[in-house]
């Protein structure tokens, strides 16, 4: 479709912190989230700008498996960039990967939404119907989405610890949530709802009804500072 250019100046600033590693060739070959996103980014930019010469520059960052403390440490690095009104952060994540092939079969029986006391399903057990498995998956995702919308980094981590929800982009989500908390604490966000995520759409690849089925959930959200 065309070229997207990198912000070499900002990339060098980040590299100067000594907190980032360059991708190894094999890691880049195995990882595909960026190459999945670039066509969408390009398409959106063509609608927002008259010419490719006006396109903003990109800074791709791959976030691996991290601890809560590491997420907060990188939030300190990214907070000034996030507070810059010329910056847009795009975080890539699916939500629940449910099924035996994902080693995640957590189920929430019928109960108030705040109740997350569930259990793992197995093929030797009876298939639950109250609610159907796909509705339980929806509730699991809703709990994670609510935690993100509430804006507390630790609250999101607590939810994932409680349910084990397989949100694959949980670490970059955590970094951005922690960075937003820093910006708010510094008084750089004035409005009560500014900087809070709002979910716009939620879908699943399949409505799971029996244990041998599987699905992946997808959700989109936006936060405006």
C-alpha atoms as a PDB file:
ATOM      1  CA  UNK A   1       0.000   0.000   0.000  1.00  0.00           C
ATOM      2  CA  UNK A   2       2.922   2.295   0.663  1.00  0.00           C
ATOM      3  CA  UNK A   3       5.657   3.168   3.122  1.00  0.00           C
ATOM      4  CA  UNK A   4       5.401   3.911   6.837  1.00  0.00           C
ATOM      5  CA  UNK A   5       8.436   5.653   8.313  1.00  0.00           C
ATOM      6  CA  UNK A   6      10.032   5.279  11.735  1.00  0.00           C
ATOM      7  CA  UNK A   7      10.742   8.066  14.204  1.00  0.00           C
ATOM      8  CA  UNK A   8      14.479   7.429  14.416  1.00  0.00           C
ATOM      9  CA  UNK A   9      15.035  10.357  16.805  1.00  0.00           C
ATOM     10  CA  UNK A  10      12.605   9.051  19.431  1.00  0.00           C
ATOM     11  CA  UNK A  11      13.841   5.499  18.949  1.00  0.00           C
ATOM     12  CA  UNK A  12      17.379   6.682  19.739  1.00  0.00           C
ATOM     13  CA  UNK A  13      16.084   8.496  22.848  1.00  0.00           C
ATOM     14  CA  UNK A  14      14.504   5.268  24.091  1.00  0.00           C
ATOM     15  CA  UNK A  15      17.592   3.226  23.253  1.00  0.00           C
ATOM     16  CA  UNK A  16      19.701   5.712  25.216  1.00  0.00           C
ATOM     17  CA  UNK A  17      17.897   4.650  28.414  1.00  0.00           C
ATOM     18  CA  UNK A  18      19.569   1.221  28.060  1.00  0.00           C
ATOM     19  CA  UNK A  19      16.198  -0.319  28.914  1.00  0.00           C
ATOM     20  CA  UNK A  20      15.429  -1.659  25.445  1.00  0.00           C
ATOM     21  CA  UNK A  21      16.887  -4.471  23.364  1.00  0.00           C
ATOM     22  CA  UNK A  22      16.917  -4.750  19.594  1.00  0.00           C
ATOM     23  CA  UNK A  23      14.862  -7.590  18.165  1.00  0.00           C
ATOM     24  CA  UNK A  24      16.780 -10.717  17.313  1.00  0.00           C
ATOM     25  CA  UNK A  25      16.071 -11.887  13.733  1.00  0.00           C
ATOM     26  CA  UNK A  26      14.357 -15.091  14.913  1.00  0.00           C
ATOM     27  CA  UNK A  27      12.177 -13.205  17.387  1.00  0.00           C
ATOM     28  CA  UNK A  28      11.081 -10.809  14.667  1.00  0.00           C
ATOM     29  CA  UNK A  29      10.338 -13.731  12.350  1.00  0.00           C
ATOM     30  CA  UNK A  30       8.132 -15.413  14.962  1.00  0.00           C
ATOM     31  CA  UNK A  31       6.298 -12.279  16.101  1.00  0.00           C
ATOM     32  CA  UNK A  32       3.453 -11.105  13.860  1.00  0.00           C
ATOM     33  CA  UNK A  33       1.379  -8.566  15.817  1.00  0.00           C
ATOM     34  CA  UNK A  34       3.112  -5.571  14.231  1.00  0.00           C
ATOM     35  CA  UNK A  35       2.783  -6.839  10.671  1.00  0.00           C
ATOM     36  CA  UNK A  36      -0.916  -7.460  11.370  1.00  0.00           C
ATOM     37  CA  UNK A  37      -1.397  -3.878  12.523  1.00  0.00           C
ATOM     38  CA  UNK A  38       0.573  -1.962   9.923  1.00  0.00           C
ATOM     39  CA  UNK A  39      -1.995  -2.344   7.104  1.00  0.00           C
ATOM     40  CA  UNK A  40      -4.749  -1.077   9.402  1.00  0.00           C
ATOM     41  CA  UNK A  41      -2.611   1.825  10.584  1.00  0.00           C
ATOM     42  CA  UNK A  42      -1.800   2.713   6.990  1.00  0.00           C
ATOM     43  CA  UNK A  43      -5.475   2.570   5.989  1.00  0.00           C
ATOM     44  CA  UNK A  44      -6.560   4.826   8.859  1.00  0.00           C
ATOM     45  CA  UNK A  45      -3.791   7.311   8.090  1.00  0.00           C
ATOM     46  CA  UNK A  46      -4.910   7.559   4.456  1.00  0.00           C
ATOM     47  CA  UNK A  47      -8.307   8.697   5.752  1.00  0.00           C
ATOM     48  CA  UNK A  48      -6.825  11.259   8.153  1.00  0.00           C
ATOM     49  CA  UNK A  49      -4.110  12.793   5.954  1.00  0.00           C
ATOM     50  CA  UNK A  50      -4.128  14.025   2.370  1.00  0.00           C
ATOM     51  CA  UNK A  51      -0.653  12.730   1.573  1.00  0.00           C
ATOM     52  CA  UNK A  52       1.682  10.009   2.823  1.00  0.00           C
ATOM     53  CA  UNK A  53       4.246  12.769   3.347  1.00  0.00           C
ATOM     54  CA  UNK A  54       2.061  14.003   6.237  1.00  0.00           C
ATOM     55  CA  UNK A  55       1.840  10.629   7.994  1.00  0.00           C
ATOM     56  CA  UNK A  56       3.140  10.598  11.590  1.00  0.00           C
ATOM     57  CA  UNK A  57       6.287   8.614  12.292  1.00  0.00           C
ATOM     58  CA  UNK A  58       6.086   5.249  14.075  1.00  0.00           C
ATOM     59  CA  UNK A  59       7.951   3.866  17.098  1.00  0.00           C
ATOM     60  CA  UNK A  60       7.326   0.090  17.300  1.00  0.00           C
ATOM     61  CA  UNK A  61       7.880  -1.434  20.751  1.00  0.00           C
ATOM     62  CA  UNK A  62       7.482  -5.122  21.572  1.00  0.00           C
ATOM     63  CA  UNK A  63       6.493  -5.793  25.206  1.00  0.00           C
ATOM     64  CA  UNK A  64       7.323  -9.235  26.548  1.00  0.00           C
ATOM     65  CA  UNK A  65       6.261 -11.044  29.715  1.00  0.00           C
ATOM     66  CA  UNK A  66       6.894  -8.638  32.592  1.00  0.00           C
ATOM     67  CA  UNK A  67       6.180  -8.192  36.290  1.00  0.00           C
ATOM     68  CA  UNK A  68       3.974  -5.500  37.801  1.00  0.00           C
ATOM     69  CA  UNK A  69       7.086  -3.664  39.003  1.00  0.00           C
ATOM     70  CA  UNK A  70       8.582  -3.749  35.515  1.00  0.00           C
ATOM     71  CA  UNK A  71       5.353  -2.400  34.009  1.00  0.00           C
ATOM     72  CA  UNK A  72       5.504   0.530  36.438  1.00  0.00           C
ATOM     73  CA  UNK A  73       9.186   1.116  35.671  1.00  0.00           C
ATOM     74  CA  UNK A  74       8.542   1.329  31.919  1.00  0.00           C
ATOM     75  CA  UNK A  75       5.492   3.485  32.605  1.00  0.00           C
ATOM     76  CA  UNK A  76       7.895   6.077  34.015  1.00  0.00           C
ATOM     77  CA  UNK A  77       9.791   6.039  30.721  1.00  0.00           C
ATOM     78  CA  UNK A  78       6.702   6.262  28.528  1.00  0.00           C
ATOM     79  CA  UNK A  79       4.648   8.728  30.603  1.00  0.00           C
ATOM     80  CA  UNK A  80       6.197  11.901  29.084  1.00  0.00           C
ATOM     81  CA  UNK A  81       5.598  10.581  25.575  1.00  0.00           C
ATOM     82  CA  UNK A  82       2.028   9.605  26.459  1.00  0.00           C
ATOM     83  CA  UNK A  83       1.399  13.086  27.861  1.00  0.00           C
ATOM     84  CA  UNK A  84       2.615  14.674  24.610  1.00  0.00           C
ATOM     85  CA  UNK A  85      -0.523  15.750  22.701  1.00  0.00           C
ATOM     86  CA  UNK A  86       1.149  14.813  19.402  1.00  0.00           C
ATOM     87  CA  UNK A  87       1.511  11.163  20.466  1.00  0.00           C
ATOM     88  CA  UNK A  88      -0.875   8.291  19.872  1.00  0.00           C
ATOM     89  CA  UNK A  89      -0.266   4.953  21.610  1.00  0.00           C
ATOM     90  CA  UNK A  90      -1.670   1.817  19.963  1.00  0.00           C
ATOM     91  CA  UNK A  91      -1.756  -1.321  22.117  1.00  0.00           C
ATOM     92  CA  UNK A  92      -2.275  -4.717  20.506  1.00  0.00           C
ATOM     93  CA  UNK A  93      -4.168  -7.386  22.428  1.00  0.00           C
ATOM     94  CA  UNK A  94      -6.712 -10.138  22.020  1.00  0.00           C
ATOM     95  CA  UNK A  95      -8.772 -10.931  25.073  1.00  0.00           C
ATOM     96  CA  UNK A  96      -9.760 -14.372  26.375  1.00  0.00           C
ATOM     97  CA  UNK A  97      -8.220 -17.367  24.608  1.00  0.00           C
ATOM     98  CA  UNK A  98     -10.564 -20.105  25.814  1.00  0.00           C
ATOM     99  CA  UNK A  99     -10.231 -23.841  25.255  1.00  0.00           C
ATOM    100  CA  UNK A 100      -8.106 -26.857  25.988  1.00  0.00           C
ATOM    101  CA  UNK A 101      -5.647 -25.920  23.232  1.00  0.00           C
ATOM    102  CA  UNK A 102      -5.022 -22.669  25.120  1.00  0.00           C
ATOM    103  CA  UNK A 103      -4.863 -24.518  28.464  1.00  0.00           C
ATOM    104  CA  UNK A 104      -7.602 -22.239  29.781  1.00  0.00           C
ATOM    105  CA  UNK A 105     -11.099 -23.556  30.515  1.00  0.00           C
ATOM    106  CA  UNK A 106     -12.119 -21.325  33.421  1.00  0.00           C
ATOM    107  CA  UNK A 107     -15.864 -21.088  33.991  1.00  0.00           C
ATOM    108  CA  UNK A 108     -18.000 -18.675  36.006  1.00  0.00           C
ATOM    109  CA  UNK A 109     -21.323 -20.115  37.163  1.00  0.00           C
ATOM    110  CA  UNK A 110     -24.422 -17.907  37.319  1.00  0.00           C
ATOM    111  CA  UNK A 111     -23.803 -15.260  39.954  1.00  0.00           C
ATOM    112  CA  UNK A 112     -23.611 -11.474  40.282  1.00  0.00           C
ATOM    113  CA  UNK A 113     -21.030 -10.048  37.911  1.00  0.00           C
ATOM    114  CA  UNK A 114     -18.750  -9.032  40.776  1.00  0.00           C
ATOM    115  CA  UNK A 115     -18.456 -12.666  41.890  1.00  0.00           C
ATOM    116  CA  UNK A 116     -15.449 -14.223  40.180  1.00  0.00           C
ATOM    117  CA  UNK A 117     -15.466 -17.557  42.039  1.00  0.00           C
ATOM    118  CA  UNK A 118     -15.135 -20.017  39.174  1.00  0.00           C
ATOM    119  CA  UNK A 119     -13.503 -23.330  38.333  1.00  0.00           C
ATOM    120  CA  UNK A 120     -11.796 -25.095  35.440  1.00  0.00           C
ATOM    121  CA  UNK A 121     -13.879 -27.334  33.173  1.00  0.00           C
ATOM    122  CA  UNK A 122     -12.732 -30.755  32.005  1.00  0.00           C
ATOM    123  CA  UNK A 123     -14.068 -33.294  29.518  1.00  0.00           C
ATOM    124  CA  UNK A 124     -14.936 -35.749  32.294  1.00  0.00           C
ATOM    125  CA  UNK A 125     -17.367 -33.277  33.845  1.00  0.00           C
ATOM    126  CA  UNK A 126     -20.858 -32.309  32.774  1.00  0.00           C
ATOM    127  CA  UNK A 127     -21.146 -29.411  30.345  1.00  0.00           C
ATOM    128  CA  UNK A 128     -22.537 -26.438  32.282  1.00  0.00           C
ATOM    129  CA  UNK A 129     -25.522 -24.544  30.931  1.00  0.00           C
ATOM    130  CA  UNK A 130     -26.193 -21.900  33.597  1.00  0.00           C
ATOM    131  CA  UNK A 131     -24.877 -19.888  31.911  1.00  0.00           C
ATOM    132  CA  UNK A 132     -23.643 -21.404  28.623  1.00  0.00           C
ATOM    133  CA  UNK A 133     -19.861 -21.445  28.368  1.00  0.00           C
ATOM    134  CA  UNK A 134     -19.786 -18.572  25.856  1.00  0.00           C
ATOM    135  CA  UNK A 135     -21.709 -16.351  28.275  1.00  0.00           C
ATOM    136  CA  UNK A 136     -19.213 -17.208  31.009  1.00  0.00           C
ATOM    137  CA  UNK A 137     -16.393 -16.193  28.663  1.00  0.00           C
ATOM    138  CA  UNK A 138     -18.205 -12.927  28.013  1.00  0.00           C
ATOM    139  CA  UNK A 139     -18.441 -12.297  31.750  1.00  0.00           C
ATOM    140  CA  UNK A 140     -14.731 -13.028  32.209  1.00  0.00           C
ATOM    141  CA  UNK A 141     -13.896 -10.492  29.534  1.00  0.00           C
ATOM    142  CA  UNK A 142     -16.376  -7.979  30.951  1.00  0.00           C
ATOM    143  CA  UNK A 143     -14.639  -8.154  34.315  1.00  0.00           C
ATOM    144  CA  UNK A 144     -11.269  -7.446  32.670  1.00  0.00           C
ATOM    145  CA  UNK A 145     -12.743  -4.643  30.564  1.00  0.00           C
ATOM    146  CA  UNK A 146     -14.380  -3.078  33.630  1.00  0.00           C
ATOM    147  CA  UNK A 147     -11.057  -3.178  35.464  1.00  0.00           C
ATOM    148  CA  UNK A 148      -9.378  -1.383  32.555  1.00  0.00           C
ATOM    149  CA  UNK A 149     -12.137   1.238  32.368  1.00  0.00           C
ATOM    150  CA  UNK A 150     -11.815   1.892  36.106  1.00  0.00           C
ATOM    151  CA  UNK A 151      -8.245   2.945  35.408  1.00  0.00           C
ATOM    152  CA  UNK A 152      -6.405   1.304  38.310  1.00  0.00           C
ATOM    153  CA  UNK A 153      -3.337  -0.600  37.152  1.00  0.00           C
ATOM    154  CA  UNK A 154      -3.335  -2.793  40.261  1.00  0.00           C
ATOM    155  CA  UNK A 155      -7.052  -3.457  39.884  1.00  0.00           C
ATOM    156  CA  UNK A 156      -6.457  -4.839  36.394  1.00  0.00           C
ATOM    157  CA  UNK A 157      -3.618  -7.035  37.685  1.00  0.00           C
ATOM    158  CA  UNK A 158      -5.830  -8.269  40.536  1.00  0.00           C
ATOM    159  CA  UNK A 159      -8.544  -9.252  38.074  1.00  0.00           C
ATOM    160  CA  UNK A 160      -6.122 -11.249  35.942  1.00  0.00           C
ATOM    161  CA  UNK A 161      -4.725 -12.971  39.020  1.00  0.00           C
ATOM    162  CA  UNK A 162      -8.229 -13.887  40.174  1.00  0.00           C
ATOM    163  CA  UNK A 163      -9.541 -15.268  36.886  1.00  0.00           C
ATOM    164  CA  UNK A 164      -6.361 -16.151  35.006  1.00  0.00           C
ATOM    165  CA  UNK A 165      -7.906 -14.560  31.919  1.00  0.00           C
ATOM    166  CA  UNK A 166      -5.582 -15.056  28.958  1.00  0.00           C
ATOM    167  CA  UNK A 167      -5.440 -11.447  27.757  1.00  0.00           C
ATOM    168  CA  UNK A 168      -2.316 -11.747  25.605  1.00  0.00           C
ATOM    169  CA  UNK A 169      -1.530  -8.009  25.588  1.00  0.00           C
ATOM    170  CA  UNK A 170      -1.966  -7.633  29.338  1.00  0.00           C
ATOM    171  CA  UNK A 171       1.587  -6.342  29.794  1.00  0.00           C
ATOM    172  CA  UNK A 172       1.481  -3.434  27.313  1.00  0.00           C
ATOM    173  CA  UNK A 173      -2.015  -2.639  28.632  1.00  0.00           C
ATOM    174  CA  UNK A 174      -0.539  -2.588  32.124  1.00  0.00           C
ATOM    175  CA  UNK A 175       2.323  -0.304  31.064  1.00  0.00           C
ATOM    176  CA  UNK A 176      -0.083   2.224  29.542  1.00  0.00           C
ATOM    177  CA  UNK A 177      -2.437   2.066  32.545  1.00  0.00           C
ATOM    178  CA  UNK A 178       0.482   2.668  34.908  1.00  0.00           C
ATOM    179  CA  UNK A 179       1.687   5.556  32.719  1.00  0.00           C
ATOM    180  CA  UNK A 180      -1.777   7.118  32.806  1.00  0.00           C
ATOM    181  CA  UNK A 181      -1.729   6.921  36.600  1.00  0.00           C
ATOM    182  CA  UNK A 182       1.599   8.786  36.628  1.00  0.00           C
ATOM    183  CA  UNK A 183       0.255  11.505  34.322  1.00  0.00           C
ATOM    184  CA  UNK A 184      -2.852  11.926  36.474  1.00  0.00           C
ATOM    185  CA  UNK A 185      -0.763  12.132  39.633  1.00  0.00           C
ATOM    186  CA  UNK A 186       1.352  14.852  38.015  1.00  0.00           C
ATOM    187  CA  UNK A 187      -1.804  16.831  37.259  1.00  0.00           C
ATOM    188  CA  UNK A 188      -1.394  16.635  33.505  1.00  0.00           C
ATOM    189  CA  UNK A 189      -4.914  15.249  33.101  1.00  0.00           C
ATOM    190  CA  UNK A 190      -7.556  17.658  34.325  1.00  0.00           C
ATOM    191  CA  UNK A 191     -10.971  16.262  33.357  1.00  0.00           C
ATOM    192  CA  UNK A 192     -12.534  13.598  35.573  1.00  0.00           C
ATOM    193  CA  UNK A 193     -12.980  11.178  32.678  1.00  0.00           C
ATOM    194  CA  UNK A 194      -9.915  12.243  30.670  1.00  0.00           C
ATOM    195  CA  UNK A 195      -7.434   9.425  30.267  1.00  0.00           C
ATOM    196  CA  UNK A 196     -10.005   6.741  31.105  1.00  0.00           C
ATOM    197  CA  UNK A 197     -10.483   3.864  28.691  1.00  0.00           C
ATOM    198  CA  UNK A 198     -13.900   3.311  27.151  1.00  0.00           C
ATOM    199  CA  UNK A 199     -14.617   0.067  25.332  1.00  0.00           C
ATOM    200  CA  UNK A 200     -16.260   0.470  21.946  1.00  0.00           C
ATOM    201  CA  UNK A 201     -16.796  -3.073  20.709  1.00  0.00           C
ATOM    202  CA  UNK A 202     -16.504  -6.687  21.819  1.00  0.00           C
ATOM    203  CA  UNK A 203     -16.678  -9.891  19.761  1.00  0.00           C
ATOM    204  CA  UNK A 204     -15.763 -13.586  20.006  1.00  0.00           C
ATOM    205  CA  UNK A 205     -14.562 -15.850  17.207  1.00  0.00           C
ATOM    206  CA  UNK A 206     -16.978 -18.573  18.291  1.00  0.00           C
ATOM    207  CA  UNK A 207     -19.762 -19.127  20.832  1.00  0.00           C
ATOM    208  CA  UNK A 208     -18.395 -22.033  22.871  1.00  0.00           C
ATOM    209  CA  UNK A 209     -21.072 -24.468  24.037  1.00  0.00           C
ATOM    210  CA  UNK A 210     -19.057 -27.604  24.847  1.00  0.00           C
ATOM    211  CA  UNK A 211     -15.641 -28.198  26.360  1.00  0.00           C
ATOM    212  CA  UNK A 212     -13.982 -29.313  23.104  1.00  0.00           C
ATOM    213  CA  UNK A 213     -14.807 -25.978  21.454  1.00  0.00           C
ATOM    214  CA  UNK A 214     -12.543 -22.944  21.620  1.00  0.00           C
ATOM    215  CA  UNK A 215     -12.709 -19.230  20.965  1.00  0.00           C
ATOM    216  CA  UNK A 216     -10.673 -16.037  21.029  1.00  0.00           C
ATOM    217  CA  UNK A 217     -12.188 -12.764  22.203  1.00  0.00           C
ATOM    218  CA  UNK A 218     -11.532  -9.343  20.697  1.00  0.00           C
ATOM    219  CA  UNK A 219     -12.176  -5.943  22.229  1.00  0.00           C
ATOM    220  CA  UNK A 220     -11.388  -2.375  21.255  1.00  0.00           C
ATOM    221  CA  UNK A 221     -11.093   0.612  23.564  1.00  0.00           C
ATOM    222  CA  UNK A 222      -9.957   4.222  23.408  1.00  0.00           C
ATOM    223  CA  UNK A 223      -8.683   6.716  25.963  1.00  0.00           C
ATOM    224  CA  UNK A 224      -8.377  10.433  25.232  1.00  0.00           C
ATOM    225  CA  UNK A 225      -6.205  12.701  27.370  1.00  0.00           C
END
